[in-house]
Amino acid sequence: MPLPKPRINENESDFIQRCVVDPTMVSEYRNDQQRIAVCYNLYENKGTKKDAEQEWLNGWDKQLDIAERQEVVNVKRYYLEQYNEAIRIFKQTRQTKNFETIFKRTDIYDLYADMYFRISMRFANYFRKNYALLFKQIDTSGYDDIWKNIFSNLGLQIGQRIAPALKETTDKTLDKELTRFLNDPDLIKLNERDAARVITARFANIAEYQAKRIVRTEATYAANIGTQQSARDTFGKDELEKKWKTSFDERVRGSHAELHNTTVNYDELFSGIMFVPGDRTNGASAADVINCRCRVIYKPKAGIMESEKLTPEGARQVQEIIREFI
């Protein structure tokens, strides 16, 4: 059930009284103080007025949608290439398992490295572009190669961690679908051309589903990492604070709703487990990260424009940040 929303012309007091006894709220937030705090956040975010912060979030969400669509195409293409090669081998050998020449781990590493580079770079540039409009003296134009190395290396290491499970999943999928094909009397009756068309279409659907699952699992984290790196290299980590933002729709999980508008220093963890939404390196469970679309806003602290900025050469040292997220 969705969380309650303020009604038209409903004042704060009336909404809070209704909200704290709402069955969904009571179920999601057993602690009275937490439930009251979330209700106040819900009321606070009822307006439609677009301030600078909301404009930023709207743009961020739009960029994420674009990035996800593009990456689904790329990952689906890779899956189709691999599955089509398996089908070719199957047609010759009737082999349903032990496809050692497809979904090779090194190819999976490259898939993740490229995906993280493209998504994270998009959001690093989104931060750079927006803050350049406000602070024209900031110049991070020399950081592109640094960022490419950081984001690609992060994706590579995540790919190395994911590859064994991904390979196991695709092997099981191939064995299941190809065995079913061999045992389906209606498919066996088809001529070779029609049979190939049916099985190719089946794997095309599987490829699209698996591509969407992979991209949606990784995109939020990659986007938040890109934003984080750009903010760090623009202002320096000691001069930044960050704020967790949710969409506050019916899909927002309770633990993330509690984090909404929580502000901490750049190098602090949210709830003691995540540097940014999607971060799995400090004890966050799968339930904390899968399909999460939360984001973080980075803001310079007061007096930042009088402080010394990082130089591109000095920024090369921040490649060590990779270790913070693996």
Protein backbone atom coordinates (compact mmCIF):
# COMPACT_ATOMS: atom_id res chain seq x y z
CA MET A 1 0.00 0.00 0.00
CA PRO A 2 1.25 3.53 -0.77
CA LEU A 3 2.21 5.95 1.95
CA PRO A 4 -0.42 8.61 2.77
CA LYS A 5 -0.26 11.93 0.94
CA PRO A 6 -1.52 15.34 2.08
CA ARG A 7 -4.88 16.20 0.63
CA ILE A 8 -5.65 19.45 -1.12
CA ASN A 9 -5.95 22.24 1.49
CA GLU A 10 -5.18 19.81 4.34
CA ASN A 11 -3.14 21.59 7.00
CA GLU A 12 -0.08 20.12 8.64
CA SER A 13 -1.71 19.25 11.97
CA ASP A 14 -4.61 17.39 10.36
CA PHE A 15 -2.31 15.47 8.05
CA ILE A 16 0.07 14.41 10.86
CA GLN A 17 -2.83 13.14 12.97
CA ARG A 18 -4.14 11.10 10.03
CA CYS A 19 -0.71 9.94 8.95
CA VAL A 20 0.54 8.53 12.27
CA VAL A 21 -2.41 6.11 12.49
CA ASP A 22 -2.40 5.13 8.82
CA PRO A 23 -2.19 1.29 8.62
CA THR A 24 0.67 1.36 6.10
CA MET A 25 2.65 3.78 8.23
CA VAL A 26 2.06 1.74 11.38
CA SER A 27 3.18 -1.40 9.56
CA GLU A 28 6.28 0.23 8.03
CA TYR A 29 7.35 2.25 11.08
CA ARG A 30 6.82 0.52 14.40
CA ASN A 31 8.69 3.19 16.29
CA ASP A 32 6.37 6.13 17.08
CA GLN A 33 9.09 8.77 16.78
CA GLN A 34 10.24 7.45 13.42
CA ARG A 35 6.66 7.38 12.14
CA ILE A 36 6.06 10.97 13.23
CA ALA A 37 9.30 12.11 11.59
CA VAL A 38 8.40 10.43 8.30
CA CYS A 39 4.93 11.98 8.40
CA TYR A 40 6.45 15.44 8.77
CA ASN A 41 8.74 14.69 5.81
CA LEU A 42 5.77 13.60 3.74
CA TYR A 43 3.98 16.86 4.47
CA GLU A 44 7.11 18.92 3.87
CA ASN A 45 7.47 17.43 0.38
CA LYS A 46 3.84 17.80 -0.67
CA GLY A 47 4.35 21.00 -2.64
CA THR A 48 4.87 21.24 -6.37
CA LYS A 49 7.00 24.34 -6.29
CA LYS A 50 10.29 23.68 -8.05
CA ASP A 51 13.14 25.16 -6.11
CA ALA A 52 16.78 24.79 -7.11
CA GLU A 53 17.12 21.51 -5.21
CA GLN A 54 14.07 19.99 -6.88
CA GLU A 55 15.25 21.15 -10.28
CA TRP A 56 18.52 19.35 -9.64
CA LEU A 57 16.71 16.15 -8.64
CA ASN A 58 14.42 16.28 -11.65
CA GLY A 59 17.42 16.63 -13.93
CA TRP A 60 19.23 13.82 -12.11
CA ASP A 61 16.27 11.47 -12.53
CA LYS A 62 16.02 12.34 -16.22
CA GLN A 63 19.70 11.58 -16.72
CA LEU A 64 19.27 8.24 -14.94
CA ASP A 65 16.37 7.26 -17.18
CA ILE A 66 18.43 8.10 -20.29
CA ALA A 67 21.46 6.22 -18.99
CA GLU A 68 19.43 3.13 -18.13
CA ARG A 69 17.77 2.97 -21.55
CA GLN A 70 21.11 3.24 -23.31
CA GLU A 71 22.79 0.64 -21.12
CA VAL A 72 19.94 -1.84 -21.48
CA VAL A 73 20.51 -1.70 -25.24
CA ASN A 74 24.24 -2.33 -24.77
CA VAL A 75 23.87 -5.17 -22.29
CA LYS A 76 21.06 -6.80 -24.27
CA ARG A 77 23.25 -6.71 -27.37
CA TYR A 78 25.99 -8.56 -25.50
CA TYR A 79 23.57 -11.19 -24.19
CA LEU A 80 22.08 -11.75 -27.63
CA GLU A 81 25.53 -12.25 -29.15
CA GLN A 82 26.36 -14.85 -26.54
CA TYR A 83 23.03 -16.64 -26.70
CA ASN A 84 23.08 -16.72 -30.51
CA GLU A 85 26.51 -18.34 -30.39
CA ALA A 86 25.14 -20.94 -27.97
CA ILE A 87 22.22 -21.60 -30.32
CA ARG A 88 24.67 -22.08 -33.21
CA ILE A 89 26.62 -24.64 -31.18
CA PHE A 90 23.40 -26.32 -30.06
CA LYS A 91 22.18 -26.74 -33.65
CA GLN A 92 25.39 -28.58 -34.52
CA THR A 93 25.88 -30.66 -31.37
CA ARG A 94 22.58 -30.70 -29.44
CA GLN A 95 24.71 -29.57 -26.52
CA THR A 96 22.73 -27.89 -23.71
CA LYS A 97 25.48 -27.17 -21.18
CA ASN A 98 29.21 -26.58 -20.72
CA PHE A 99 29.43 -23.62 -23.11
CA GLU A 100 32.98 -22.63 -22.26
CA THR A 101 33.40 -20.19 -25.15
CA ILE A 102 30.52 -17.87 -24.23
CA PHE A 103 29.92 -15.48 -21.34
CA LYS A 104 33.62 -15.51 -20.62
CA ARG A 105 34.62 -13.81 -17.41
CA THR A 106 36.93 -11.34 -19.12
CA ASP A 107 34.06 -10.22 -21.35
CA ILE A 108 31.85 -9.73 -18.29
CA TYR A 109 34.60 -7.66 -16.65
CA ASP A 110 34.69 -5.42 -19.71
CA LEU A 111 30.89 -5.18 -19.78
CA TYR A 112 30.78 -3.82 -16.23
CA ALA A 113 33.80 -1.57 -16.68
CA ASP A 114 32.25 0.07 -19.75
CA MET A 115 28.83 0.41 -18.12
CA TYR A 116 30.22 2.06 -15.00
CA PHE A 117 32.42 4.37 -17.05
CA ARG A 118 29.55 5.61 -19.21
CA ILE A 119 26.99 6.05 -16.42
CA SER A 120 29.36 7.53 -13.85
CA MET A 121 30.91 9.90 -16.39
CA ARG A 122 27.46 11.13 -17.39
CA PHE A 123 26.73 12.10 -13.79
CA ALA A 124 30.18 13.52 -13.12
CA ASN A 125 29.56 15.82 -16.06
CA TYR A 126 26.04 16.58 -14.86
CA PHE A 127 27.43 17.83 -11.55
CA ARG A 128 30.24 19.72 -13.28
CA LYS A 129 27.89 21.40 -15.74
CA ASN A 130 25.44 22.53 -13.07
CA TYR A 131 28.03 23.88 -10.66
CA ALA A 132 29.96 25.56 -13.43
CA LEU A 133 26.91 27.75 -13.94
CA LEU A 134 27.08 28.85 -10.31
CA PHE A 135 30.84 28.99 -9.79
CA LYS A 136 32.47 29.99 -13.04
CA GLN A 137 35.97 30.05 -11.51
CA ILE A 138 35.82 26.26 -10.96
CA ASP A 139 37.48 24.29 -13.75
CA THR A 140 37.55 20.50 -13.74
CA SER A 141 38.11 20.16 -17.48
CA GLY A 142 41.38 18.32 -16.85
CA TYR A 143 39.78 15.52 -14.89
CA ASP A 144 38.26 13.41 -17.65
CA ASP A 145 41.09 10.88 -17.89
CA ILE A 146 41.24 10.61 -14.10
CA TRP A 147 37.52 9.96 -13.89
CA LYS A 148 37.63 7.43 -16.70
CA ASN A 149 40.23 5.39 -14.82
CA ILE A 150 38.34 5.59 -11.54
CA PHE A 151 34.95 4.63 -12.96
CA SER A 152 36.28 1.91 -15.27
CA ASN A 153 38.32 0.36 -12.47
CA LEU A 154 35.34 0.38 -10.14
CA GLY A 155 33.17 -1.32 -12.77
CA LEU A 156 35.94 -3.82 -13.47
CA GLN A 157 36.19 -4.82 -9.84
CA ILE A 158 32.43 -5.12 -9.48
CA GLY A 159 32.39 -7.21 -12.66
CA GLN A 160 35.03 -9.49 -11.18
CA ARG A 161 32.83 -10.01 -8.15
CA ILE A 162 29.66 -10.54 -10.19
CA ALA A 163 31.05 -12.68 -13.03
CA PRO A 164 30.92 -16.13 -11.37
CA ALA A 165 27.25 -15.78 -10.42
CA LEU A 166 26.35 -14.27 -13.80
CA LYS A 167 28.05 -17.13 -15.64
CA GLU A 168 26.27 -19.68 -13.44
CA THR A 169 22.91 -18.05 -14.16
CA THR A 170 23.39 -18.00 -17.93
CA ASP A 171 24.59 -21.62 -17.93
CA LYS A 172 21.47 -22.70 -16.06
CA THR A 173 19.27 -20.66 -18.39
CA LEU A 174 20.80 -22.25 -21.47
CA ASP A 175 20.49 -25.76 -20.10
CA LYS A 176 16.89 -25.23 -19.04
CA GLU A 177 15.69 -23.60 -22.27
CA LEU A 178 17.58 -25.84 -24.68
CA THR A 179 16.54 -29.00 -22.84
CA ARG A 180 12.94 -27.83 -22.93
CA PHE A 181 13.30 -27.31 -26.67
CA LEU A 182 14.57 -30.88 -27.13
CA ASN A 183 11.66 -32.28 -25.13
CA ASP A 184 8.89 -30.19 -26.68
CA PRO A 185 7.13 -32.33 -29.32
CA ASP A 186 5.57 -29.30 -31.03
CA LEU A 187 8.96 -27.63 -31.49
CA ILE A 188 10.62 -30.82 -32.67
CA LYS A 189 8.07 -31.06 -35.50
CA LEU A 190 9.12 -27.67 -36.88
CA ASN A 191 11.55 -27.38 -39.74
CA GLU A 192 15.01 -26.08 -38.90
CA ARG A 193 14.30 -22.52 -39.98
CA ASP A 194 11.09 -22.16 -37.97
CA ALA A 195 12.60 -23.89 -34.96
CA ALA A 196 15.54 -21.51 -35.04
CA ARG A 197 13.17 -18.55 -35.20
CA VAL A 198 11.22 -19.75 -32.15
CA ILE A 199 14.24 -20.43 -29.99
CA THR A 200 15.97 -17.20 -31.05
CA ALA A 201 12.88 -15.19 -30.11
CA ARG A 202 12.75 -16.93 -26.74
CA PHE A 203 16.34 -16.02 -25.95
CA ALA A 204 15.80 -12.46 -27.16
CA ASN A 205 13.13 -12.05 -24.48
CA ILE A 206 15.41 -13.57 -21.87
CA ALA A 207 18.26 -11.27 -22.93
CA GLU A 208 16.08 -8.19 -22.53
CA TYR A 209 14.89 -9.26 -19.07
CA GLN A 210 18.41 -10.02 -17.87
CA ALA A 211 19.78 -6.79 -19.32
CA LYS A 212 17.16 -4.71 -17.49
CA ARG A 213 17.84 -6.55 -14.24
CA ILE A 214 21.59 -5.93 -14.45
CA VAL A 215 21.32 -2.27 -15.42
CA ARG A 216 18.72 -1.42 -12.81
CA THR A 217 20.82 -3.13 -10.15
CA GLU A 218 23.95 -1.12 -10.98
CA ALA A 219 22.76 2.19 -12.46
CA THR A 220 21.84 4.02 -9.24
CA TYR A 221 25.16 3.20 -7.63
CA ALA A 222 27.14 4.16 -10.75
CA ALA A 223 25.23 7.44 -11.02
CA ASN A 224 25.79 8.31 -7.37
CA ILE A 225 29.49 7.44 -7.65
CA GLY A 226 29.85 9.77 -10.64
CA THR A 227 28.16 12.59 -8.77
CA GLN A 228 30.27 11.96 -5.69
CA GLN A 229 33.57 11.96 -7.56
CA SER A 230 32.77 15.16 -9.42
CA ALA A 231 31.74 16.88 -6.19
CA ARG A 232 34.89 15.73 -4.43
CA ASP A 233 37.19 16.91 -7.20
CA THR A 234 35.37 20.21 -7.50
CA PHE A 235 35.38 21.26 -3.87
CA GLY A 236 37.49 18.77 -1.90
CA LYS A 237 35.95 16.23 0.45
CA ASP A 238 36.55 18.29 3.60
CA GLU A 239 34.38 21.10 2.23
CA LEU A 240 31.32 19.02 1.37
CA GLU A 241 28.19 17.76 3.01
CA LYS A 242 25.66 15.42 1.44
CA LYS A 243 21.91 14.93 1.76
CA TRP A 244 19.93 11.75 1.07
CA LYS A 245 16.87 12.24 -1.12
CA THR A 246 14.11 9.76 -1.92
CA SER A 247 11.28 10.07 -4.42
CA PHE A 248 8.69 9.53 -1.66
CA ASP A 249 6.43 7.50 -3.89
CA GLU A 250 4.79 4.16 -3.09
CA ARG A 251 7.97 2.25 -4.03
CA VAL A 252 10.20 3.88 -1.41
CA ARG A 253 11.20 1.36 1.27
CA GLY A 254 10.68 2.37 4.87
CA SER A 255 14.34 2.45 5.85
CA HIS A 256 15.08 4.88 3.01
CA ALA A 257 12.11 7.08 3.79
CA GLU A 258 13.62 7.56 7.24
CA LEU A 259 16.84 8.77 5.61
CA HIS A 260 15.10 11.39 3.49
CA ASN A 261 16.72 14.82 3.99
CA THR A 262 19.34 13.36 6.34
CA THR A 263 22.52 15.43 5.99
CA VAL A 264 26.02 14.16 6.87
CA ASN A 265 29.59 15.09 6.00
CA TYR A 266 31.05 13.83 2.74
CA ASP A 267 32.99 10.92 4.25
CA GLU A 268 30.28 9.75 6.66
CA LEU A 269 27.98 6.77 6.17
CA PHE A 270 24.20 7.02 6.01
CA SER A 271 22.72 4.77 8.72
CA GLY A 272 26.22 3.44 9.26
CA ILE A 273 26.08 1.25 6.14
CA MET A 274 26.06 3.31 2.91
CA PHE A 275 28.21 6.14 1.58
CA VAL A 276 25.70 6.61 -1.25
CA PRO A 277 22.52 4.80 -2.36
CA GLY A 278 23.44 1.45 -3.88
CA ASP A 279 26.63 1.07 -1.84
CA ARG A 280 27.08 -2.59 -0.83
CA THR A 281 30.52 -2.35 0.74
CA ASN A 282 29.70 -1.64 4.38
CA GLY A 283 27.08 -4.21 5.26
CA ALA A 284 24.03 -3.04 3.29
CA SER A 285 21.76 -5.96 2.43
CA ALA A 286 20.31 -6.74 -0.98
CA ALA A 287 17.02 -5.28 0.27
CA ASP A 288 18.83 -1.96 0.83
CA VAL A 289 20.17 -1.62 -2.70
CA ILE A 290 18.18 -3.61 -5.28
CA ASN A 291 15.92 -1.33 -7.34
CA CYS A 292 16.82 1.64 -5.15
CA ARG A 293 16.49 4.97 -6.97
CA CYS A 294 17.52 7.27 -4.13
CA ARG A 295 20.13 9.95 -4.77
CA VAL A 296 22.47 12.21 -2.87
CA ILE A 297 22.82 15.96 -3.20
CA TYR A 298 26.28 17.38 -2.51
CA LYS A 299 26.57 20.92 -1.26
CA PRO A 300 29.69 22.95 -0.49
CA LYS A 301 29.98 24.18 3.07
CA ALA A 302 30.01 27.89 3.86
CA GLY A 303 33.22 29.62 2.83
CA ILE A 304 34.17 27.03 0.20
CA MET A 305 34.83 29.65 -2.45
CA GLU A 306 37.58 31.15 -0.34
CA SER A 307 39.35 27.80 0.14
CA GLU A 308 41.98 26.28 -2.11
CA LYS A 309 40.69 23.88 -4.78
CA LEU A 310 42.19 20.57 -5.79
CA THR A 311 44.36 20.59 -8.91
CA PRO A 312 44.12 17.91 -11.60
CA GLU A 313 47.52 16.60 -10.52
CA GLY A 314 46.45 16.40 -6.91
CA ALA A 315 43.24 14.72 -7.95
CA ARG A 316 45.16 11.74 -9.29
CA GLN A 317 45.59 10.70 -5.70
CA VAL A 318 41.85 10.25 -5.33
CA GLN A 319 42.01 7.08 -7.39
CA GLU A 320 42.46 5.49 -3.98
CA ILE A 321 38.76 6.16 -3.49
CA ILE A 322 38.11 2.92 -5.32
CA ARG A 323 39.15 1.05 -2.20
CA GLU A 324 36.37 2.73 -0.26
CA PHE A 325 33.70 1.11 -2.40
CA ILE A 326 34.98 -2.41 -3.09
